[in-house]
């Protein structure tokens, strides 16, 4: 269902230059993730922001650790 929503939203907003994608933040050291999680909040946010600021045509995709994940 999420894939369909992202694809539809991406299509609807593409004319406005808005990218739509899904990002898995992975296991993050939060209250829920705990201190043994693989990434700090800062590391996770840095990866997410770096992807969001990429100047390429990636759209309607699913990513984890900056890597494309097949729907």
C-alpha atoms as a PDB file:
ATOM      1  CA  UNK A   1       0.000   0.000   0.000  1.00  0.00           C
ATOM      2  CA  UNK A   2       2.823   2.375   0.863  1.00  0.00           C
ATOM      3  CA  UNK A   3       4.405   1.830  -2.542  1.00  0.00           C
ATOM      4  CA  UNK A   4       1.197   2.761  -4.326  1.00  0.00           C
ATOM      5  CA  UNK A   5       0.767   5.902  -2.220  1.00  0.00           C
ATOM      6  CA  UNK A   6       4.350   7.022  -2.899  1.00  0.00           C
ATOM      7  CA  UNK A   7       3.986   6.367  -6.623  1.00  0.00           C
ATOM      8  CA  UNK A   8       0.698   8.285  -6.860  1.00  0.00           C
ATOM      9  CA  UNK A   9       1.934  11.196  -4.761  1.00  0.00           C
ATOM     10  CA  UNK A  10       5.188  11.325  -6.712  1.00  0.00           C
ATOM     11  CA  UNK A  11       3.290  11.485  -9.979  1.00  0.00           C
ATOM     12  CA  UNK A  12       0.929  14.185  -8.712  1.00  0.00           C
ATOM     13  CA  UNK A  13       3.737  16.419  -7.387  1.00  0.00           C
ATOM     14  CA  UNK A  14       6.363  15.887 -10.091  1.00  0.00           C
ATOM     15  CA  UNK A  15       5.234  18.955 -12.026  1.00  0.00           C
ATOM     16  CA  UNK A  16       6.024  21.109  -8.986  1.00  0.00           C
ATOM     17  CA  UNK A  17       9.575  19.804  -8.652  1.00  0.00           C
ATOM     18  CA  UNK A  18       8.758  17.926  -5.438  1.00  0.00           C
ATOM     19  CA  UNK A  19      10.408  14.528  -4.890  1.00  0.00           C
ATOM     20  CA  UNK A  20       8.586  11.846  -2.944  1.00  0.00           C
ATOM     21  CA  UNK A  21      10.297   8.781  -1.538  1.00  0.00           C
ATOM     22  CA  UNK A  22      10.274   6.510   1.492  1.00  0.00           C
ATOM     23  CA  UNK A  23      13.298   6.231   3.753  1.00  0.00           C
ATOM     24  CA  UNK A  24      13.832   3.571   6.379  1.00  0.00           C
ATOM     25  CA  UNK A  25      15.803   5.215   9.210  1.00  0.00           C
ATOM     26  CA  UNK A  26      17.133   1.771  10.222  1.00  0.00           C
ATOM     27  CA  UNK A  27      17.787   0.909  13.878  1.00  0.00           C
ATOM     28  CA  UNK A  28      18.400   4.241  15.617  1.00  0.00           C
ATOM     29  CA  UNK A  29      19.499   4.965  19.192  1.00  0.00           C
ATOM     30  CA  UNK A  30      16.232   6.440  20.444  1.00  0.00           C
ATOM     31  CA  UNK A  31      14.094   5.602  23.465  1.00  0.00           C
ATOM     32  CA  UNK A  32      12.489   2.873  21.383  1.00  0.00           C
ATOM     33  CA  UNK A  33      15.628   1.680  19.563  1.00  0.00           C
ATOM     34  CA  UNK A  34      17.795   1.590  22.679  1.00  0.00           C
ATOM     35  CA  UNK A  35      21.473   2.288  23.163  1.00  0.00           C
ATOM     36  CA  UNK A  36      22.579  -0.820  21.245  1.00  0.00           C
ATOM     37  CA  UNK A  37      21.050   0.395  17.967  1.00  0.00           C
ATOM     38  CA  UNK A  38      23.431   0.650  15.020  1.00  0.00           C
ATOM     39  CA  UNK A  39      23.094   4.401  14.350  1.00  0.00           C
ATOM     40  CA  UNK A  40      22.931   7.524  16.449  1.00  0.00           C
ATOM     41  CA  UNK A  41      20.132   9.968  15.748  1.00  0.00           C
ATOM     42  CA  UNK A  42      22.680  12.337  14.202  1.00  0.00           C
ATOM     43  CA  UNK A  43      24.044   9.647  11.860  1.00  0.00           C
ATOM     44  CA  UNK A  44      20.564   8.668  10.718  1.00  0.00           C
ATOM     45  CA  UNK A  45      19.485  12.274  10.160  1.00  0.00           C
ATOM     46  CA  UNK A  46      22.719  13.049   8.286  1.00  0.00           C
ATOM     47  CA  UNK A  47      22.064  10.189   5.857  1.00  0.00           C
ATOM     48  CA  UNK A  48      18.441  11.199   5.354  1.00  0.00           C
ATOM     49  CA  UNK A  49      19.286  14.867   4.738  1.00  0.00           C
ATOM     50  CA  UNK A  50      22.137  13.951   2.368  1.00  0.00           C
ATOM     51  CA  UNK A  51      19.735  11.905   0.289  1.00  0.00           C
ATOM     52  CA  UNK A  52      17.037  14.586   0.328  1.00  0.00           C
ATOM     53  CA  UNK A  53      19.525  17.155  -0.963  1.00  0.00           C
ATOM     54  CA  UNK A  54      20.851  14.987  -3.792  1.00  0.00           C
ATOM     55  CA  UNK A  55      20.520  16.677  -7.138  1.00  0.00           C
ATOM     56  CA  UNK A  56      19.477  13.677  -9.212  1.00  0.00           C
ATOM     57  CA  UNK A  57      16.246  12.337 -10.534  1.00  0.00           C
ATOM     58  CA  UNK A  58      15.591   9.707  -7.867  1.00  0.00           C
ATOM     59  CA  UNK A  59      11.915   9.791  -7.071  1.00  0.00           C
ATOM     60  CA  UNK A  60       9.253   7.339  -5.925  1.00  0.00           C
ATOM     61  CA  UNK A  61      11.896   5.079  -4.374  1.00  0.00           C
ATOM     62  CA  UNK A  62      12.492   3.258  -1.092  1.00  0.00           C
ATOM     63  CA  UNK A  63      15.878   3.688   0.576  1.00  0.00           C
ATOM     64  CA  UNK A  64      17.817   2.373   3.548  1.00  0.00           C
ATOM     65  CA  UNK A  65      21.323   3.618   4.426  1.00  0.00           C
ATOM     66  CA  UNK A  66      21.260   5.621   1.188  1.00  0.00           C
ATOM     67  CA  UNK A  67      20.820   2.452  -0.867  1.00  0.00           C
ATOM     68  CA  UNK A  68      17.848   1.767  -3.130  1.00  0.00           C
ATOM     69  CA  UNK A  69      15.694  -1.077  -1.831  1.00  0.00           C
ATOM     70  CA  UNK A  70      13.367  -2.937  -4.211  1.00  0.00           C
ATOM     71  CA  UNK A  71       9.690  -2.428  -3.468  1.00  0.00           C
END
